[in-house]
C-alpha atoms as a PDB file:
ATOM      1  CA  MET A   1      -0.572   0.110   0.094  1.00  0.00           C
ATOM      2  CA  LYS A   2       1.686   3.135  -1.312  1.00  0.00           C
ATOM      3  CA  ASN A   3       1.659   6.916  -0.479  1.00  0.00           C
ATOM      4  CA  THR A   4       0.679   5.920   3.467  1.00  0.00           C
ATOM      5  CA  PHE A   5       2.923   8.672   4.901  1.00  0.00           C
ATOM      6  CA  LEU A   6       4.577   5.550   6.268  1.00  0.00           C
ATOM      7  CA  ASP A   7       6.296   4.433   3.273  1.00  0.00           C
ATOM      8  CA  ASP A   8       9.494   4.888   4.397  1.00  0.00           C
ATOM      9  CA  PHE A   9       8.748   2.544   7.752  1.00  0.00           C
ATOM     10  CA  GLU A  10       9.473  -0.924   7.403  1.00  0.00           C
ATOM     11  CA  ILE A  11       7.615  -2.753   9.753  1.00  0.00           C
ATOM     12  CA  ASP A  12       7.233  -6.581   9.994  1.00  0.00           C
ATOM     13  CA  LEU A  13       3.378  -6.927  10.844  1.00  0.00           C
ATOM     14  CA  HIS A  14       4.461 -10.507  12.883  1.00  0.00           C
ATOM     15  CA  GLU A  15       6.614  -8.496  15.295  1.00  0.00           C
ATOM     16  CA  VAL A  16       3.606  -6.410  15.701  1.00  0.00           C
ATOM     17  CA  ARG A  17       1.369  -9.707  16.458  1.00  0.00           C
ATOM     18  CA  LEU A  18       3.820 -10.775  18.697  1.00  0.00           C
ATOM     19  CA  HIS A  19       3.725  -7.440  21.017  1.00  0.00           C
ATOM     20  CA  TYR A  20       0.021  -7.907  20.733  1.00  0.00           C
ATOM     21  CA  ASN A  21      -0.975 -11.315  22.041  1.00  0.00           C
ATOM     22  CA  PRO A  22       0.159 -10.793  25.535  1.00  0.00           C
ATOM     23  CA  ARG A  23      -1.056  -7.358  25.692  1.00  0.00           C
ATOM     24  CA  GLU A  24      -4.692  -8.937  25.271  1.00  0.00           C
ATOM     25  CA  GLU A  25      -3.998 -11.687  27.396  1.00  0.00           C
ATOM     26  CA  VAL A  26      -3.158  -9.021  29.963  1.00  0.00           C
ATOM     27  CA  SER A  27      -5.816  -6.822  29.179  1.00  0.00           C
ATOM     28  CA  ARG A  28      -8.817 -10.016  29.894  1.00  0.00           C
ATOM     29  CA  LYS A  29      -6.619 -10.661  33.134  1.00  0.00           C
ATOM     30  CA  LEU A  30      -6.874  -7.226  34.367  1.00  0.00           C
ATOM     31  CA  LYS A  31     -10.613  -7.085  33.927  1.00  0.00           C
ATOM     32  CA  SER A  32     -11.312  -9.592  35.584  1.00  0.00           C
ATOM     33  CA  LEU A  33      -8.702  -8.721  38.802  1.00  0.00           C
ATOM     34  CA  HIS A  34     -11.304  -5.376  38.737  1.00  0.00           C
ATOM     35  CA  SER A  35     -14.408  -7.008  38.447  1.00  0.00           C
ATOM     36  CA  ASN A  36     -13.510  -9.462  40.940  1.00  0.00           C
ATOM     37  CA  ASP A  37     -12.290  -6.455  43.370  1.00  0.00           C
ATOM     38  CA  SER A  38      -8.834  -8.217  43.463  1.00  0.00           C
ATOM     39  CA  LYS A  39      -7.539  -4.710  44.190  1.00  0.00           C
ATOM     40  CA  GLU A  40      -3.888  -5.616  45.146  1.00  0.00           C
ATOM     41  CA  LYS A  41      -3.034  -7.853  42.081  1.00  0.00           C
ATOM     42  CA  TYR A  42      -4.755  -5.375  40.035  1.00  0.00           C
ATOM     43  CA  VAL A  43      -3.049  -2.479  41.163  1.00  0.00           C
ATOM     44  CA  GLU A  44       0.617  -4.168  40.783  1.00  0.00           C
ATOM     45  CA  LEU A  45      -0.422  -5.324  37.397  1.00  0.00           C
ATOM     46  CA  ALA A  46      -2.201  -2.066  36.098  1.00  0.00           C
ATOM     47  CA  ILE A  47       0.907  -0.074  36.675  1.00  0.00           C
ATOM     48  CA  GLY A  48       3.520  -2.701  35.757  1.00  0.00           C
ATOM     49  CA  VAL A  49       4.839  -3.957  38.645  1.00  0.00           C
ATOM     50  CA  SER A  50       3.818  -7.413  39.233  1.00  0.00           C
ATOM     51  CA  ASP A  51       4.027  -7.235  34.893  1.00  0.00           C
ATOM     52  CA  LYS A  52       5.816  -5.079  32.578  1.00  0.00           C
ATOM     53  CA  VAL A  53       3.125  -5.826  29.612  1.00  0.00           C
ATOM     54  CA  GLY A  54       0.278  -4.462  32.636  1.00  0.00           C
ATOM     55  CA  ASN A  55       1.698  -1.202  31.715  1.00  0.00           C
ATOM     56  CA  TYR A  56       5.269  -0.371  29.634  1.00  0.00           C
ATOM     57  CA  SER A  57       4.698   3.546  30.302  1.00  0.00           C
ATOM     58  CA  ALA A  58       5.184   3.066  34.275  1.00  0.00           C
ATOM     59  CA  TYR A  59       7.559   0.048  34.003  1.00  0.00           C
ATOM     60  CA  GLU A  60       9.835   1.590  31.119  1.00  0.00           C
ATOM     61  CA  HIS A  61      10.231   5.031  33.109  1.00  0.00           C
ATOM     62  CA  GLN A  62      10.259   2.942  36.864  1.00  0.00           C
ATOM     63  CA  LEU A  63       7.117   4.655  37.712  1.00  0.00           C
ATOM     64  CA  GLY A  64       5.368   1.678  39.792  1.00  0.00           C
ATOM     65  CA  PRO A  65       6.970   1.458  42.614  1.00  0.00           C
ATOM     66  CA  LYS A  66       7.163   5.229  43.023  1.00  0.00           C
ATOM     67  CA  ILE A  67       3.172   4.816  43.099  1.00  0.00           C
ATOM     68  CA  LEU A  68       2.896   2.426  45.429  1.00  0.00           C
ATOM     69  CA  TYR A  69       5.235   4.480  47.724  1.00  0.00           C
ATOM     70  CA  ASN A  70       3.124   7.548  47.231  1.00  0.00           C
ATOM     71  CA  ASN A  71      -0.112   6.535  46.733  1.00  0.00           C
ATOM     72  CA  SER A  72      -2.279   3.518  48.717  1.00  0.00           C
ATOM     73  CA  ILE A  73      -3.633   0.238  46.983  1.00  0.00           C
ATOM     74  CA  ASP A  74      -7.726   1.684  47.877  1.00  0.00           C
ATOM     75  CA  SER A  75      -6.426   5.178  46.211  1.00  0.00           C
ATOM     76  CA  VAL A  76      -5.582   4.147  42.904  1.00  0.00           C
ATOM     77  CA  PHE A  77      -8.056   1.426  42.648  1.00  0.00           C
ATOM     78  CA  ASN A  78     -11.122   4.020  43.151  1.00  0.00           C
ATOM     79  CA  PHE A  79      -8.781   5.880  40.281  1.00  0.00           C
ATOM     80  CA  SER A  80      -9.443   2.833  38.469  1.00  0.00           C
ATOM     81  CA  LYS A  81     -12.991   2.462  39.292  1.00  0.00           C
ATOM     82  CA  LEU A  82     -13.486   6.143  37.319  1.00  0.00           C
ATOM     83  CA  ILE A  83     -11.870   4.908  34.035  1.00  0.00           C
ATOM     84  CA  ALA A  84     -13.758   1.502  33.789  1.00  0.00           C
ATOM     85  CA  GLU A  85     -16.976   3.321  33.859  1.00  0.00           C
ATOM     86  CA  GLU A  86     -19.052   2.568  30.399  1.00  0.00           C
ATOM     87  CA  ASP A  87     -20.143   6.418  30.370  1.00  0.00           C
ATOM     88  CA  LEU A  88     -16.425   8.335  30.584  1.00  0.00           C
ATOM     89  CA  ASN A  89     -15.422   9.623  27.135  1.00  0.00           C
ATOM     90  CA  VAL A  90     -12.062   9.801  25.720  1.00  0.00           C
ATOM     91  CA  ARG A  91     -11.930  14.109  25.853  1.00  0.00           C
ATOM     92  CA  ALA A  92     -12.914  13.306  30.216  1.00  0.00           C
ATOM     93  CA  LEU A  93     -10.068  10.746  30.331  1.00  0.00           C
ATOM     94  CA  PRO A  94      -7.164  13.591  30.830  1.00  0.00           C
ATOM     95  CA  ARG A  95      -9.136  15.928  33.123  1.00  0.00           C
ATOM     96  CA  LEU A  96      -9.775  12.572  34.855  1.00  0.00           C
ATOM     97  CA  ILE A  97      -6.200  11.745  35.533  1.00  0.00           C
ATOM     98  CA  ARG A  98      -5.336  15.106  36.391  1.00  0.00           C
ATOM     99  CA  GLU A  99      -8.134  15.632  38.945  1.00  0.00           C
ATOM    100  CA  ALA A 100      -7.049  12.227  40.687  1.00  0.00           C
ATOM    101  CA  ASN A 101      -4.235  14.333  41.445  1.00  0.00           C
ATOM    102  CA  LEU A 102      -2.303  11.112  42.065  1.00  0.00           C
ATOM    103  CA  PRO A 103       1.414  11.182  42.723  1.00  0.00           C
ATOM    104  CA  PHE A 104       3.675  10.083  39.928  1.00  0.00           C
ATOM    105  CA  LEU A 105       0.772   8.759  38.026  1.00  0.00           C
ATOM    106  CA  LYS A 106       0.315  11.063  34.989  1.00  0.00           C
ATOM    107  CA  ILE A 107      -1.348  11.049  31.498  1.00  0.00           C
ATOM    108  CA  GLY A 108       0.721   8.243  30.065  1.00  0.00           C
ATOM    109  CA  VAL A 109      -0.085   6.006  32.950  1.00  0.00           C
ATOM    110  CA  GLY A 110      -3.394   6.749  33.352  1.00  0.00           C
ATOM    111  CA  SER A 111      -4.239   6.260  29.669  1.00  0.00           C
ATOM    112  CA  GLU A 112      -2.423   2.856  29.131  1.00  0.00           C
ATOM    113  CA  MET A 113      -4.610   1.599  33.030  1.00  0.00           C
ATOM    114  CA  ALA A 114      -7.559   3.066  30.807  1.00  0.00           C
ATOM    115  CA  CYS A 115      -6.696   1.131  27.410  1.00  0.00           C
ATOM    116  CA  LEU A 116      -6.623  -1.935  29.168  1.00  0.00           C
ATOM    117  CA  LEU A 117      -9.504  -1.510  31.352  1.00  0.00           C
ATOM    118  CA  GLN A 118     -11.341  -0.358  27.467  1.00  0.00           C
ATOM    119  CA  PRO A 119      -9.365  -1.168  24.336  1.00  0.00           C
ATOM    120  CA  ASP A 120     -12.193  -0.230  21.898  1.00  0.00           C
ATOM    121  CA  LYS A 121     -12.312   3.487  23.374  1.00  0.00           C
ATOM    122  CA  PHE A 122      -9.211   4.942  24.969  1.00  0.00           C
ATOM    123  CA  TRP A 123      -5.350   4.678  23.301  1.00  0.00           C
ATOM    124  CA  VAL A 124      -1.934   4.814  25.178  1.00  0.00           C
ATOM    125  CA  GLY A 125      -0.565   8.551  25.609  1.00  0.00           C
ATOM    126  CA  ASN A 126       2.606   7.926  25.691  1.00  0.00           C
ATOM    127  CA  VAL A 127       5.500   9.134  23.546  1.00  0.00           C
ATOM    128  CA  ARG A 128       5.243   6.247  20.977  1.00  0.00           C
ATOM    129  CA  THR A 129       1.499   6.623  20.098  1.00  0.00           C
ATOM    130  CA  ILE A 130       2.484  10.484  20.275  1.00  0.00           C
ATOM    131  CA  TYR A 131       5.425  10.119  18.002  1.00  0.00           C
ATOM    132  CA  SER A 132       3.457   7.621  15.684  1.00  0.00           C
ATOM    133  CA  HIS A 133       0.584  10.250  15.884  1.00  0.00           C
ATOM    134  CA  LEU A 134       3.321  13.279  14.512  1.00  0.00           C
ATOM    135  CA  ILE A 135       4.439  11.305  11.814  1.00  0.00           C
ATOM    136  CA  ILE A 136       0.801  11.056  10.203  1.00  0.00           C
ATOM    137  CA  LYS A 137       0.432  14.973  10.950  1.00  0.00           C
ATOM    138  CA  HIS A 138       3.667  16.244   8.600  1.00  0.00           C
ATOM    139  CA  GLU A 139       2.728  13.543   6.089  1.00  0.00           C
ATOM    140  CA  GLY A 140       5.168  10.970   6.834  1.00  0.00           C
ATOM    141  CA  ASP A 141       8.408  13.414   7.194  1.00  0.00           C
ATOM    142  CA  TRP A 142      10.053  11.800  10.622  1.00  0.00           C
ATOM    143  CA  GLU A 143      12.327  14.929  10.789  1.00  0.00           C
ATOM    144  CA  LYS A 144       9.934  17.385  11.544  1.00  0.00           C
ATOM    145  CA  ALA A 145       8.215  14.607  13.830  1.00  0.00           C
ATOM    146  CA  ASP A 146      11.253  14.337  15.811  1.00  0.00           C
ATOM    147  CA  GLU A 147      11.634  18.670  15.885  1.00  0.00           C
ATOM    148  CA  GLU A 148       8.143  18.943  17.446  1.00  0.00           C
ATOM    149  CA  LEU A 149       7.931  15.616  19.760  1.00  0.00           C
ATOM    150  CA  GLU A 150      11.247  17.450  22.016  1.00  0.00           C
ATOM    151  CA  LEU A 151       9.308  20.571  22.038  1.00  0.00           C
ATOM    152  CA  TYR A 152       6.795  18.423  23.990  1.00  0.00           C
ATOM    153  CA  ARG A 153       9.855  17.288  26.855  1.00  0.00           C
ATOM    154  CA  ILE A 154       9.229  20.226  29.139  1.00  0.00           C
ATOM    155  CA  ASP A 155      11.919  19.427  32.043  1.00  0.00           C
ATOM    156  CA  ASP A 156       9.197  19.577  34.708  1.00  0.00           C
ATOM    157  CA  ALA A 157       7.275  16.810  33.859  1.00  0.00           C
ATOM    158  CA  ASN A 158       4.516  17.946  37.025  1.00  0.00           C
ATOM    159  CA  SER A 159       3.623  21.473  35.529  1.00  0.00           C
ATOM    160  CA  GLU A 160       0.251  23.011  34.957  1.00  0.00           C
ATOM    161  CA  MET A 161       1.924  23.586  31.073  1.00  0.00           C
ATOM    162  CA  HIS A 162       3.739  19.956  30.451  1.00  0.00           C
ATOM    163  CA  TYR A 163       0.358  18.420  31.102  1.00  0.00           C
ATOM    164  CA  ARG A 164      -1.701  20.874  29.172  1.00  0.00           C
ATOM    165  CA  ILE A 165       0.516  20.091  26.676  1.00  0.00           C
ATOM    166  CA  TRP A 166       0.378  16.578  26.804  1.00  0.00           C
ATOM    167  CA  GLN A 167      -3.876  16.515  27.671  1.00  0.00           C
ATOM    168  CA  ASP A 168      -4.263  18.635  24.089  1.00  0.00           C
ATOM    169  CA  ILE A 169      -2.121  16.095  22.449  1.00  0.00           C
ATOM    170  CA  TYR A 170      -4.097  12.921  23.598  1.00  0.00           C
ATOM    171  CA  THR A 171      -7.408  14.366  22.437  1.00  0.00           C
ATOM    172  CA  SER A 172      -6.356  15.321  19.392  1.00  0.00           C
ATOM    173  CA  MET A 173      -4.698  12.013  18.168  1.00  0.00           C
ATOM    174  CA  LYS A 174      -7.682  10.172  17.143  1.00  0.00           C
ATOM    175  CA  SER A 175      -8.276  10.812  13.562  1.00  0.00           C
ATOM    176  CA  SER A 176      -4.064   9.907  13.194  1.00  0.00           C
ATOM    177  CA  LEU A 177      -4.505   6.888  14.761  1.00  0.00           C
ATOM    178  CA  ASP A 178      -7.774   5.738  12.754  1.00  0.00           C
ATOM    179  CA  ILE A 179      -5.614   6.532  10.033  1.00  0.00           C
ATOM    180  CA  ILE A 180      -2.577   4.523  11.191  1.00  0.00           C
ATOM    181  CA  TYR A 181      -5.378   1.752  12.006  1.00  0.00           C
ATOM    182  CA  LYS A 182      -6.643   1.417   8.412  1.00  0.00           C
ATOM    183  CA  ILE A 183      -2.497   1.121   7.289  1.00  0.00           C
ATOM    184  CA  SER A 184      -1.739  -1.492   9.910  1.00  0.00           C
ATOM    185  CA  VAL A 185      -4.947  -3.248   7.999  1.00  0.00           C
ATOM    186  CA  ASN A 186      -3.730  -3.037   4.695  1.00  0.00           C
ATOM    187  CA  TRP A 187      -0.147  -4.209   5.591  1.00  0.00           C
ATOM    188  CA  ALA A 188      -1.550  -7.223   8.070  1.00  0.00           C
ATOM    189  CA  GLU A 189      -3.174  -8.534   4.863  1.00  0.00           C
ATOM    190  CA  GLU A 190      -0.050  -7.926   2.988  1.00  0.00           C
ATOM    191  CA  GLN A 191       1.592 -10.258   5.365  1.00  0.00           C
ATOM    192  CA  ASP A 192      -0.907 -12.441   5.964  1.00  0.00           C
ATOM    193  CA  VAL A 193      -1.023 -11.411   9.856  1.00  0.00           C
ATOM    194  CA  LYS A 194      -4.535 -11.372  11.663  1.00  0.00           C
ATOM    195  CA  VAL A 195      -5.105  -7.951  13.060  1.00  0.00           C
ATOM    196  CA  GLY A 196      -5.719  -7.947  17.040  1.00  0.00           C
ATOM    197  CA  LYS A 197      -9.382  -7.808  17.856  1.00  0.00           C
ATOM    198  CA  ASN A 198      -8.757  -4.853  20.515  1.00  0.00           C
ATOM    199  CA  LYS A 199      -8.320  -1.593  18.698  1.00  0.00           C
ATOM    200  CA  TYR A 200      -6.163   0.508  20.249  1.00  0.00           C
ATOM    201  CA  LEU A 201      -4.118  -1.861  22.033  1.00  0.00           C
ATOM    202  CA  TRP A 202      -3.529  -3.648  18.325  1.00  0.00           C
ATOM    203  CA  ILE A 203      -2.918   0.103  17.437  1.00  0.00           C
ATOM    204  CA  ASP A 204      -0.409   0.526  20.710  1.00  0.00           C
ATOM    205  CA  ALA A 205       1.195  -2.103  19.107  1.00  0.00           C
ATOM    206  CA  PHE A 206       1.877  -0.672  15.613  1.00  0.00           C
ATOM    207  CA  CYS A 207       2.971   2.601  17.003  1.00  0.00           C
ATOM    208  CA  ASN A 208       5.621   0.555  19.626  1.00  0.00           C
ATOM    209  CA  ALA A 209       7.329  -0.968  15.999  1.00  0.00           C
ATOM    210  CA  LEU A 210       7.199   2.394  14.242  1.00  0.00           C
ATOM    211  CA  TYR A 211       9.008   4.048  16.993  1.00  0.00           C
ATOM    212  CA  GLU A 212      11.370   1.599  17.204  1.00  0.00           C
ATOM    213  CA  CYS A 213      11.845   2.094  13.404  1.00  0.00           C
ATOM    214  CA  LYS A 214      13.647   5.860  14.686  1.00  0.00           C
END
């Protein structure tokens, strides 16, 4: 499939599928733990402590232990109840994460928690998906995407400006991610790979591969 804005990137969809499979499994486990009110097991998995697959955003930045040290299991679990609500919409998610005011649990970790609980509604808002969004925004110009991504790396990650920037990016990503999804479906067909059934977990796996091409 040519003229997709991603023609400069070579992505093996078999590798994307291998990345996706454990995420789908962990998503099911998290939903089960959540519905069974298994608070400690749910929280430790949801913030990537018991298994990095539960939250790559937390694991890669070593945030899980910091979240546990600075927040109670109950406070994180109560937050998870809010992001599990079926009537919660995408635009409200970043504000909800902000208002929860849980130290070290910001948009990256919080949106990934939401995605694992509702993977057909919420997407992950971390550097990898945002970079992929910028690739589409700049019509495949990865140099411009790199430049813009650097502008968002404000030193004070706890500042109001930092959060507002990432909040605005998160809510604006859907159209880009939908384009990425269509491209991934076409490439998967060409490579004889079955697309994952959970849309935004599949997109997240694809964006991970796209970012690794940097």
